[in-house]
Protein backbone atom coordinates (compact mmCIF):
# COMPACT_ATOMS: atom_id res chain seq x y z
CA MET A 1 71.85 73.67 111.96
CA LYS A 2 75.39 72.58 112.80
CA THR A 3 78.11 75.14 112.14
CA ARG A 4 81.88 75.41 112.49
CA LEU A 5 84.42 78.13 111.71
CA VAL A 6 87.34 76.67 109.77
CA SER A 7 90.42 77.82 107.88
CA SER A 8 90.28 78.81 104.24
CA MET A 9 92.67 75.90 103.59
CA GLU A 10 90.05 73.33 104.61
CA LYS A 11 87.95 71.79 101.85
CA VAL A 12 84.37 71.18 102.90
CA PHE A 13 82.97 68.21 100.97
CA ALA A 14 79.20 67.91 100.77
CA GLU A 15 78.93 64.19 101.48
CA ARG A 16 81.78 63.77 103.97
CA GLU A 17 81.59 64.35 107.70
CA LEU A 18 83.51 67.50 108.54
CA SER A 19 86.73 66.67 110.37
CA ALA A 20 88.49 70.03 110.04
CA LYS A 21 89.65 71.64 113.25
CA GLU A 22 87.84 74.76 114.32
CA GLN A 23 89.55 78.10 113.71
CA ARG A 24 87.94 80.97 115.55
CA THR A 25 90.80 83.50 115.45
CA GLY A 26 93.09 84.96 112.84
CA GLU A 27 95.32 87.93 112.11
CA ALA A 28 96.72 89.86 109.18
CA PHE A 29 98.58 93.01 108.25
CA ALA A 30 97.07 95.96 106.42
CA GLY A 31 96.92 95.29 102.70
CA GLU A 32 96.22 91.57 103.06
CA ARG A 33 93.09 89.64 102.24
CA PHE A 34 92.23 87.31 105.11
CA ASN A 35 89.82 84.44 104.45
CA PHE A 36 87.98 82.03 106.70
CA GLN A 37 85.00 79.72 106.20
CA LEU A 38 81.74 79.15 108.01
CA ALA A 39 80.90 75.49 107.39
CA TYR A 40 77.30 74.45 108.03
CA PHE A 41 75.10 71.35 107.94
CA TRP A 42 71.37 71.84 107.35
CA GLU A 43 69.17 69.19 108.95
CA GLU A 44 65.71 70.20 107.74
CA ASP A 45 63.87 70.41 104.41
CA CYS A 46 65.21 72.59 101.60
CA ALA A 47 64.97 76.27 102.42
CA TRP A 48 66.16 79.69 101.34
CA ALA A 49 68.39 81.61 103.72
CA GLN A 50 69.71 85.13 104.06
CA VAL A 51 73.33 85.61 105.11
CA GLU A 52 74.57 88.65 107.00
CA ALA A 53 78.10 89.67 107.97
CA GLU A 54 78.63 92.32 110.63
CA SER A 55 81.87 93.97 111.73
CA GLU A 56 83.42 97.35 112.44
CA LEU A 57 85.60 96.54 109.45
CA GLY A 58 83.76 97.80 106.42
CA SER A 59 85.43 95.42 104.02
CA VAL A 60 83.94 92.01 104.86
CA SER A 61 82.40 90.04 102.01
CA VAL A 62 80.76 86.61 101.86
CA ARG A 63 80.65 84.16 98.97
CA THR A 64 79.17 80.67 98.76
CA VAL A 65 81.52 77.78 98.06
CA GLU A 66 79.91 75.89 95.17
CA LEU A 67 80.79 72.39 94.00
CA GLU A 68 82.75 71.67 90.82
CA PRO A 69 82.48 68.24 89.15
CA ALA A 70 85.78 66.49 88.47
CA GLN A 71 86.43 63.23 86.64
CA PHE A 72 90.22 63.04 86.28
CA VAL A 73 91.59 63.96 89.70
CA CYS A 74 94.94 62.17 90.07
CA ASP A 75 97.28 59.45 88.80
CA LEU A 76 96.69 55.73 89.19
CA GLU A 77 99.35 55.71 91.90
CA PRO A 78 99.19 59.13 93.56
CA ASP A 79 101.16 60.11 96.63
CA ASP A 80 99.34 59.96 99.94
CA ASN A 81 98.73 63.72 100.19
CA TYR A 82 95.39 63.85 98.38
CA LEU A 83 92.00 64.33 99.99
CA ARG A 84 90.36 61.86 97.64
CA THR A 85 91.39 59.90 94.57
CA HIS A 86 88.08 59.32 92.80
CA ALA A 87 85.75 61.42 90.70
CA GLY A 88 83.20 63.57 92.45
CA LEU A 89 82.14 67.06 93.46
CA PHE A 90 84.81 69.37 94.85
CA PRO A 91 84.40 72.70 96.66
CA ASP A 92 85.99 75.33 94.42
CA ILE A 93 83.64 77.92 92.88
CA LEU A 94 83.34 81.10 94.95
CA LYS A 95 79.98 82.52 93.95
CA PRO A 96 79.34 86.13 94.98
CA LEU A 97 76.49 86.46 97.45
CA ASP A 98 73.85 88.27 95.41
CA GLY A 99 70.67 87.00 97.03
CA PRO A 100 69.29 84.17 99.17
CA VAL A 101 71.30 80.98 99.65
CA ARG A 102 69.71 77.59 99.03
CA LEU A 103 70.06 75.30 102.05
CA ILE A 104 70.27 71.66 100.98
CA PRO A 105 69.53 69.08 103.66
CA GLY A 106 72.06 66.48 104.71
CA GLN A 107 75.14 68.17 103.24
CA TRP A 108 78.08 70.07 104.65
CA ARG A 109 78.52 73.31 102.74
CA ALA A 110 80.51 76.48 103.37
CA LEU A 111 80.42 80.26 103.23
CA TRP A 112 83.69 81.91 102.22
CA CYS A 113 84.29 85.06 104.27
CA SER A 114 86.92 87.60 103.18
CA ILE A 115 88.34 90.58 105.03
CA ASP A 116 90.15 93.04 102.78
CA THR A 117 92.31 94.86 105.27
CA THR A 118 93.04 98.56 105.06
CA ALA A 119 94.78 101.03 107.36
CA GLU A 120 92.24 100.94 110.19
CA PRO A 121 93.74 101.14 113.68
CA ALA A 122 95.38 97.92 114.79
CA GLY A 123 93.31 95.87 117.21
CA GLU A 124 90.64 93.22 117.61
CA TYR A 125 87.69 93.25 115.21
CA PRO A 126 85.00 90.60 115.76
CA VAL A 127 83.29 89.46 112.55
CA THR A 128 79.83 87.97 113.07
CA VAL A 129 78.16 85.89 110.36
CA ARG A 130 74.46 85.00 110.65
CA ILE A 131 72.21 82.68 108.70
CA LEU A 132 68.49 83.48 108.76
CA VAL A 133 65.52 81.51 107.41
CA GLU A 134 62.25 83.43 106.99
CA GLY A 135 63.73 86.20 109.07
CA GLU A 136 64.63 83.97 112.00
CA LYS A 137 68.24 83.35 113.00
CA VAL A 138 69.19 79.68 112.64
CA ALA A 139 72.94 80.09 113.11
CA GLU A 140 75.46 82.68 114.22
CA GLU A 141 79.22 82.48 114.56
CA THR A 142 81.73 85.17 115.54
CA PHE A 143 85.30 85.14 114.25
CA SER A 144 87.88 87.09 116.24
CA PHE A 145 90.10 88.96 113.78
CA ARG A 146 93.22 90.88 114.78
CA LEU A 147 94.56 93.63 112.53
CA LEU A 148 98.32 93.91 113.04
CA PRO A 149 100.08 97.29 113.35
CA CYS A 150 101.74 97.71 109.96
CA ALA A 151 101.28 96.98 106.27
CA LEU A 152 102.92 94.34 104.13
CA PRO A 153 105.43 95.59 101.54
CA PRO A 154 104.53 95.50 97.85
CA GLN A 155 104.90 92.16 96.10
CA ARG A 156 108.46 91.60 94.89
CA LEU A 157 107.82 88.29 93.15
CA LEU A 158 107.06 88.48 89.43
CA PHE A 159 103.99 86.38 88.70
CA THR A 160 102.33 85.44 85.43
CA GLN A 161 99.49 83.02 84.93
CA TRP A 162 98.86 82.60 81.25
CA PHE A 163 95.93 84.64 80.00
CA HIS A 164 94.18 82.97 77.05
CA ALA A 165 92.62 85.83 75.13
CA ASP A 166 90.81 83.54 72.70
CA CYS A 167 88.93 81.87 75.55
CA ILE A 168 87.22 85.17 76.39
CA ALA A 169 85.90 85.32 72.82
CA HIS A 170 84.76 81.68 72.86
CA GLN A 171 82.98 81.79 76.21
CA TYR A 172 81.15 85.06 75.67
CA GLY A 173 80.51 84.80 71.94
CA GLU A 174 82.26 88.10 71.33
CA ALA A 175 84.53 88.85 68.39
CA VAL A 176 88.18 89.33 69.30
CA PHE A 177 88.96 93.06 69.69
CA SER A 178 85.29 94.05 69.69
CA PRO A 179 84.35 96.68 72.31
CA ARG A 180 82.67 94.04 74.48
CA TRP A 181 85.71 91.74 74.19
CA TRP A 182 87.98 94.56 75.38
CA GLU A 183 85.62 95.30 78.27
CA LEU A 184 85.53 91.68 79.43
CA THR A 185 89.26 91.22 78.94
CA GLU A 186 90.00 94.22 81.13
CA ARG A 187 87.81 92.82 83.90
CA TYR A 188 89.71 89.53 83.82
CA VAL A 189 93.08 91.26 83.73
CA SER A 190 92.14 93.55 86.61
CA PHE A 191 90.94 90.54 88.62
CA ALA A 192 94.23 88.78 87.92
CA ALA A 193 96.15 91.80 89.19
CA GLN A 194 94.04 91.86 92.34
CA HIS A 195 95.19 88.27 92.93
CA GLY A 196 98.91 88.95 92.61
CA MET A 197 99.57 88.79 88.87
CA ASN A 198 101.88 91.60 87.75
CA MET A 199 102.93 90.21 84.34
CA LEU A 200 100.60 89.36 81.47
CA LEU A 201 101.01 87.02 78.51
CA THR A 202 100.68 89.37 75.55
CA PRO A 203 99.66 87.94 72.16
CA LEU A 204 101.85 89.85 69.74
CA PHE A 205 100.82 86.92 67.54
CA THR A 206 98.44 84.08 68.35
CA PRO A 207 100.35 82.16 71.06
CA PRO A 208 101.55 78.73 69.82
CA LEU A 209 100.54 77.07 73.09
CA ASP A 210 98.66 73.79 73.60
CA THR A 211 97.89 73.58 69.90
CA LEU A 212 97.75 70.28 68.04
CA PRO A 213 100.30 70.34 65.19
CA GLY A 214 98.57 71.24 61.96
CA THR A 215 95.67 72.99 63.70
CA GLU A 216 95.29 76.58 64.84
CA ARG A 217 93.64 78.57 67.59
CA LEU A 218 91.40 81.57 67.09
CA THR A 219 93.45 84.55 65.94
CA VAL A 220 94.25 86.98 68.77
CA GLN A 221 97.07 88.93 67.11
CA LEU A 222 97.73 92.39 68.54
CA VAL A 223 100.28 93.43 65.90
CA ASP A 224 99.10 94.51 62.44
CA VAL A 225 101.35 93.09 59.72
CA LYS A 226 101.45 94.10 56.06
CA LYS A 227 103.55 92.48 53.40
CA THR A 228 104.76 94.84 50.67
CA ALA A 229 107.13 94.65 47.75
CA GLN A 230 109.72 96.36 49.94
CA GLY A 231 109.31 94.02 52.93
CA TRP A 232 107.21 94.17 56.09
CA GLU A 233 105.25 96.96 57.75
CA PHE A 234 103.89 96.83 61.30
CA GLY A 235 101.10 98.62 63.15
CA TYR A 236 100.75 98.80 66.92
CA ASP A 237 97.40 100.44 67.64
CA ARG A 238 95.95 97.36 69.36
CA LEU A 239 99.20 96.62 71.16
CA GLY A 240 99.18 100.19 72.46
CA GLN A 241 95.59 99.70 73.64
CA TRP A 242 96.66 96.48 75.40
CA ILE A 243 99.56 98.25 77.17
CA ALA A 244 97.26 101.06 78.31
CA MET A 245 94.81 98.46 79.68
CA CYS A 246 97.61 96.72 81.58
CA LYS A 247 98.75 99.97 83.15
CA ARG A 248 95.18 100.77 84.27
CA CYS A 249 94.86 97.33 85.83
CA GLY A 250 98.17 97.37 87.68
CA ILE A 251 100.11 95.03 85.39
CA ALA A 252 103.69 96.32 85.28
CA TYR A 253 105.32 93.75 82.96
CA LEU A 254 104.51 92.05 79.68
CA GLU A 255 105.37 88.53 78.62
CA ALA A 256 105.55 88.50 74.82
CA SER A 257 104.02 85.41 73.24
CA HIS A 258 106.40 82.70 72.06
CA LEU A 259 108.19 83.27 68.77
CA PHE A 260 108.40 79.54 67.94
CA THR A 261 106.12 76.58 68.50
CA GLN A 262 105.96 74.57 71.71
CA TRP A 263 107.88 71.33 72.43
CA GLY A 264 110.83 71.78 70.12
CA ALA A 265 110.76 75.17 68.38
CA GLU A 266 110.39 73.60 64.93
CA HIS A 267 107.89 76.04 63.43
CA ALA A 268 106.66 79.63 63.48
CA PRO A 269 103.49 80.69 65.29
CA LYS A 270 100.44 81.55 63.24
CA ILE A 271 100.93 85.06 61.86
CA MET A 272 98.32 86.87 59.83
CA ALA A 273 99.22 89.67 57.42
CA GLU A 274 97.68 91.89 54.81
CA VAL A 275 98.80 90.69 51.40
CA ASP A 276 97.47 92.46 48.32
CA GLY A 277 94.66 93.94 50.36
CA LYS A 278 93.53 90.67 51.97
CA GLN A 279 94.28 89.01 55.31
CA GLU A 280 96.02 85.68 55.03
CA ARG A 281 98.23 83.43 57.11
CA VAL A 282 101.83 84.03 56.13
CA PHE A 283 103.50 81.78 58.73
CA GLY A 284 102.43 78.74 60.73
CA TRP A 285 102.97 74.99 61.06
CA GLU A 286 104.18 74.86 57.47
CA THR A 287 106.99 77.32 58.29
CA ASP A 288 110.47 76.06 59.14
CA ALA A 289 111.62 77.93 62.24
CA GLU A 290 115.10 78.23 60.75
CA GLY A 291 113.94 79.04 57.26
CA GLU A 292 115.11 82.24 55.62
CA ALA A 293 111.62 83.70 55.22
CA TYR A 294 110.69 83.62 58.89
CA GLN A 295 114.11 84.63 60.11
CA ASP A 296 114.05 87.66 57.80
CA PHE A 297 110.62 88.49 59.22
CA LEU A 298 111.96 88.39 62.78
CA LYS A 299 114.92 90.56 61.79
CA ALA A 300 112.46 93.17 60.58
CA PHE A 301 109.90 92.79 63.36
CA LEU A 302 111.86 92.54 66.62
CA PRO A 303 113.89 95.77 66.28
CA ASP A 304 110.69 97.53 65.27
CA VAL A 305 108.53 96.27 68.15
CA THR A 306 111.23 96.88 70.77
CA ALA A 307 111.46 100.47 69.53
CA PHE A 308 107.70 100.71 70.06
CA PHE A 309 108.01 99.28 73.57
CA LYS A 310 110.66 101.89 74.36
CA LYS A 311 108.36 104.63 73.12
CA GLU A 312 105.61 103.30 75.41
CA GLY A 313 107.89 103.34 78.46
CA MET A 314 108.16 99.54 78.52
CA GLU A 315 111.87 99.18 77.84
CA GLY A 316 113.21 96.35 79.99
CA LYS A 317 109.68 95.53 81.17
CA VAL A 318 108.91 93.04 78.41
CA TRP A 319 110.12 89.45 78.60
CA PHE A 320 110.54 87.45 75.38
CA HIS A 321 110.06 83.72 74.83
CA VAL A 322 111.77 81.44 72.34
CA SER A 323 109.84 78.17 72.81
CA ASP A 324 107.97 76.53 75.66
CA GLU A 325 109.32 73.38 77.33
CA PRO A 326 112.19 72.35 75.04
CA SER A 327 113.94 69.10 75.97
CA ALA A 328 117.47 67.77 75.53
CA GLU A 329 117.00 66.68 71.91
CA HIS A 330 116.06 70.26 71.00
CA LEU A 331 119.17 71.80 72.56
CA GLU A 332 121.08 72.62 69.36
CA ARG A 333 118.12 74.10 67.47
CA TYR A 334 116.97 76.02 70.52
CA GLY A 335 120.50 77.38 70.91
CA ARG A 336 120.59 78.73 67.37
CA LEU A 337 117.15 80.31 67.65
CA SER A 338 117.92 81.73 71.08
CA ALA A 339 121.08 83.37 69.71
CA LEU A 340 118.99 85.01 66.98
CA ILE A 341 116.39 86.34 69.43
CA HIS A 342 119.08 87.60 71.81
CA SER A 343 120.75 89.51 68.99
CA LEU A 344 117.49 91.22 68.06
CA THR A 345 116.13 92.05 71.55
CA GLU A 346 119.10 93.43 73.44
CA GLY A 347 118.11 94.87 76.80
CA TYR A 348 115.02 92.69 77.12
CA PRO A 349 115.09 89.51 79.28
CA LYS A 350 114.52 86.14 77.63
CA MET A 351 112.63 83.47 79.61
CA ASP A 352 111.36 79.96 78.96
CA ALA A 353 109.88 77.08 80.90
CA LEU A 354 112.45 74.27 80.88
CA SER A 355 113.82 71.64 83.22
CA ASP A 356 117.25 70.76 81.82
CA TYR A 357 120.07 72.75 83.46
CA ALA A 358 122.16 72.45 80.27
CA PHE A 359 120.04 75.15 78.58
CA TYR A 360 121.05 77.65 81.23
CA GLU A 361 124.60 76.35 81.62
CA LYS A 362 125.23 77.00 77.91
CA GLY A 363 123.86 80.54 78.20
CA LEU A 364 120.82 79.91 76.00
CA VAL A 365 118.26 81.52 78.31
CA ASP A 366 118.55 84.52 80.64
CA VAL A 367 115.70 83.57 82.93
CA PRO A 368 115.11 79.83 83.38
CA VAL A 369 111.59 78.97 84.50
CA CYS A 370 112.02 75.56 86.07
CA ALA A 371 109.45 72.94 87.07
CA THR A 372 109.35 72.60 90.84
CA ASN A 373 110.16 68.87 90.69
CA HIS A 374 113.29 69.52 88.58
CA ILE A 375 114.54 72.72 90.18
CA ALA A 376 117.18 71.20 92.50
CA PRO A 377 120.18 71.59 90.09
CA PHE A 378 119.30 75.24 89.52
CA LEU A 379 119.14 75.86 93.27
CA GLU A 380 122.38 73.99 93.88
CA HIS A 381 124.13 76.31 91.41
CA ALA A 382 122.52 79.40 93.01
CA THR A 383 121.14 80.37 89.61
CA PRO A 384 120.41 84.11 89.51
CA HIS A 385 117.00 85.37 88.34
CA LEU A 386 115.53 81.89 88.82
CA TRP A 387 111.82 81.35 88.27
CA ALA A 388 109.68 78.34 89.14
CA TYR A 389 106.53 76.84 87.67
CA TYR A 390 104.20 73.92 88.11
CA CYS A 391 101.51 72.47 85.90
CA CYS A 392 99.88 69.08 85.29
CA GLY A 393 103.19 67.22 85.58
CA GLN A 394 103.95 68.32 89.13
CA ARG A 395 101.49 66.17 91.05
CA LYS A 396 103.64 63.96 93.27
CA ASP A 397 105.11 65.26 96.54
CA VAL A 398 105.37 68.91 95.42
CA SER A 399 102.99 71.80 95.96
CA ASN A 400 100.16 72.29 93.47
CA ARG A 401 96.55 73.44 93.25
CA MET A 402 94.65 70.35 92.04
CA LEU A 403 91.09 70.13 93.36
CA ALA A 404 91.80 66.83 95.11
CA MET A 405 94.77 68.22 97.04
CA PRO A 406 94.56 69.76 100.51
CA GLY A 407 94.40 73.54 100.54
CA ALA A 408 97.63 73.60 102.55
CA ARG A 409 99.39 71.96 99.59
CA ASN A 410 98.51 75.01 97.49
CA ARG A 411 99.32 77.74 100.02
CA CYS A 412 102.59 76.26 101.28
CA ILE A 413 104.49 77.30 98.14
CA GLY A 414 104.92 80.79 99.56
CA LEU A 415 107.55 79.46 101.95
CA SER A 416 109.35 77.50 99.20
CA LEU A 417 109.52 80.60 97.00
CA TYR A 418 111.11 82.53 99.85
CA HIS A 419 113.53 79.80 100.88
CA GLY A 420 114.65 79.26 97.27
CA LYS A 421 115.11 83.01 96.64
CA ILE A 422 112.89 82.69 93.58
CA GLU A 423 112.43 85.78 91.40
CA GLY A 424 109.25 84.78 89.57
CA PHE A 425 106.51 82.19 89.27
CA LEU A 426 104.63 81.03 86.17
CA HIS A 427 101.48 78.98 85.78
CA TRP A 428 100.00 78.14 82.42
CA GLY A 429 96.26 78.20 83.13
CA TYR A 430 94.49 81.34 84.29
CA ASN A 431 91.51 80.73 82.00
CA PHE A 432 92.18 77.80 79.66
CA TRP A 433 88.56 76.82 79.04
CA MET A 434 89.27 74.26 76.31
CA THR A 435 90.21 70.63 75.92
CA GLN A 436 93.82 69.60 75.46
CA TYR A 437 95.39 70.91 72.23
CA SER A 438 92.62 73.55 72.08
CA LEU A 439 90.38 71.28 70.05
CA GLN A 440 87.06 72.05 71.75
CA VAL A 441 85.59 74.74 73.95
CA ILE A 442 84.33 73.42 77.30
CA ASP A 443 81.86 74.55 79.94
CA PRO A 444 84.15 75.21 82.93
CA TYR A 445 81.26 74.56 85.33
CA ARG A 446 81.00 70.99 84.03
CA VAL A 447 84.51 70.12 82.81
CA SER A 448 87.46 70.78 85.11
CA ASP A 449 90.11 68.53 83.54
CA ALA A 450 90.46 69.84 79.95
CA GLY A 451 88.50 66.87 78.64
CA GLY A 452 90.29 64.29 80.77
CA ALA A 453 93.78 65.54 79.93
CA PHE A 454 94.95 67.33 83.10
CA PRO A 455 94.04 66.75 86.76
CA ALA A 456 91.09 68.90 87.76
CA GLY A 457 92.18 72.31 88.99
CA ASP A 458 95.16 72.70 86.66
CA ALA A 459 93.75 74.33 83.52
CA PHE A 460 92.02 77.38 84.98
CA SER A 461 91.75 79.40 88.19
CA VAL A 462 88.73 81.53 87.31
CA TYR A 463 85.25 80.70 86.10
CA PRO A 464 83.30 82.78 83.56
CA GLY A 465 80.54 84.79 85.19
CA ALA A 466 77.85 86.68 83.31
CA ASP A 467 79.90 89.87 83.17
CA GLY A 468 83.36 88.84 84.29
CA PRO A 469 85.45 86.48 86.39
CA VAL A 470 84.31 84.31 89.28
CA ALA A 471 87.07 83.26 91.68
CA SER A 472 88.07 79.76 92.72
CA VAL A 473 89.30 78.44 96.06
CA GLY A 474 92.59 77.64 94.32
CA LEU A 475 93.03 81.25 93.18
CA GLU A 476 92.39 82.65 96.65
CA LEU A 477 94.73 80.18 98.35
CA PHE A 478 97.57 81.06 95.98
CA LEU A 479 97.02 84.73 96.82
CA GLU A 480 97.42 83.76 100.48
CA ALA A 481 100.72 82.08 99.56
CA LEU A 482 101.91 85.31 97.92
CA GLN A 483 100.96 87.20 101.08
CA ASP A 484 102.94 84.72 103.18
CA LEU A 485 105.95 85.43 100.97
CA ARG A 486 105.57 89.18 101.49
CA ALA A 487 105.35 88.65 105.26
CA LEU A 488 108.57 86.61 105.21
CA GLU A 489 110.28 89.40 103.24
CA LEU A 490 109.02 92.01 105.71
CA ALA A 491 110.40 89.96 108.61
CA GLU A 492 113.78 89.74 106.87
CA SER A 493 113.87 93.50 106.31
CA LEU A 494 113.34 94.05 110.04
CA THR A 495 115.86 91.42 111.16
CA ASP A 496 118.02 89.32 108.84
CA ARG A 497 117.58 86.22 106.73
CA GLN A 498 119.15 83.90 109.28
CA GLN A 499 116.58 84.85 111.93
CA VAL A 500 113.74 84.27 109.50
CA GLU A 501 115.10 80.89 108.40
CA GLN A 502 115.15 79.77 112.03
CA LEU A 503 111.37 80.19 112.11
CA TYR A 504 110.78 77.42 109.59
CA GLN A 505 113.69 75.01 109.90
CA ASP A 506 111.33 72.30 111.12
CA ALA A 507 109.13 72.57 108.00
CA ALA A 508 109.95 70.04 105.28
CA PHE A 509 107.95 72.07 102.75
CA ARG A 510 110.53 74.84 102.81
CA GLU A 511 111.99 72.75 99.96
CA PHE A 512 110.13 72.48 96.67
CA SER A 513 110.44 68.68 96.87
CA HIS A 514 107.91 68.57 99.71
CA SER A 515 104.46 69.97 100.32
CA ALA A 516 102.47 70.71 103.46
CA ARG A 517 100.10 68.05 104.69
CA ARG A 518 98.13 69.90 107.34
CA THR A 519 96.56 73.33 107.68
CA GLU A 520 98.06 73.77 111.14
CA GLU A 521 101.69 73.54 110.02
CA VAL A 522 101.22 76.37 107.51
CA LEU A 523 99.37 78.54 110.02
CA GLU A 524 101.99 77.93 112.72
CA ILE A 525 104.84 79.24 110.57
CA ARG A 526 102.83 82.28 109.53
CA LYS A 527 102.07 82.94 113.20
CA ARG A 528 105.80 82.84 114.03
CA VAL A 529 106.55 85.27 111.21
CA ASN A 530 103.83 87.67 112.35
CA THR A 531 105.09 87.55 115.94
CA LEU A 532 108.64 88.34 114.88
CA ILE A 533 107.50 91.29 112.77
CA VAL A 534 105.41 92.80 115.58
CA GLU A 535 108.27 92.35 118.06
CA LYS A 536 110.66 94.26 115.79
CA LEU A 537 108.38 97.16 114.92
């Protein structure tokens, strides 16, 4: 058996000769998760193997890196920073090690090894990983891990990756708000928090996201609505349960679902209400966003729900949306609707994903969430409270997490977030297990591109396991990026920003317009940051 220790940023393809440089050493601060891979090539007949990990650190876990099929992987004319440009099998699924591992002959595969650091004494901690077949050792590698003498500070960056509550119901065949649905949802939310998410998309009403006009997604409405002769009544039992769940999981902030439809804010989201004792849809695609009926509803609802948030201790911790991704032709309508929402939610930030600086310049949004390939004007104006996002459209030159991209292209965004003084980051697909426009439910283990709509790796970062989430390589690498950001902030707190900036002036990917090409350039900057921190302790 051939083996090699490599960085977590390397992607080990089954059919391709392994060219990744060996990485036998690594270091981290307390509170970080440090990952490395043991790549192996089995040269005999199929066999079952046992895997063991041994270290004085009691928090070493091993997962197998399983292959995810991908059909749509990139544009017809991609940039030159992709690992491959054709359909195939990509290493992405991190399957927990719950029994023997199948060794397949003639393929490079990998074991994903994670060290969850705690406050053990600083020092060197060898981590030995063994592979045994029928009780006999066929491979053994030892990674030299160094625990550094302090802990990283808490995450400052606000981070939301859109949680699609209806997808939990679809994948597990559980009714929305059933006990089992709540149990599964909490596991996914907790897992998200463990991977850096501290804000959660909260479906006050069914979110009007990626929905074909005229169609609707499964109802996931937390707010009870009743229409009476006197007006509207609201109930918040389920919303209260949702807030309590978030607090248990470590989610500090809520992102209220959008109050108008995507791509232009022309209509209301789907809203269900009790009317004469029966549930019916009272607003939706047929509703004019600026019509009197819906605006009167908002004037009743928003003061009421913000009062509830205050009662729950969430005042100022809930962000409101008007409409996702408006463009220049929607400026006037968006402005009128934004003014309405601002007047009804005083004291609560308003945020939206947009790329036209005019929306912010005219004071229509408090917190602009800008695409990384359009963020330059916002940075040039030193926009306060600036957020960034990427999705399927950001696939040339910039950082992203597509399966066909190098792992370094995912992780390198930590430096860009620091250099740009970014307050928050948004990504749309934590668990979007459907085709584009939410028309069909997909099997995430077979379909990775939303039915050919988005490059593989964009629509979701977790896979559905039997009883909860299964991580992806992309999810773990983004967590590493968040840890890099925290290390940069720690270095600044011990020195000053100018000294920290000198550590990465030779890195083009400090700017959002560029992405890292090689594992080594990301590791080198992190090494410089670690060295500076230790020197200043």
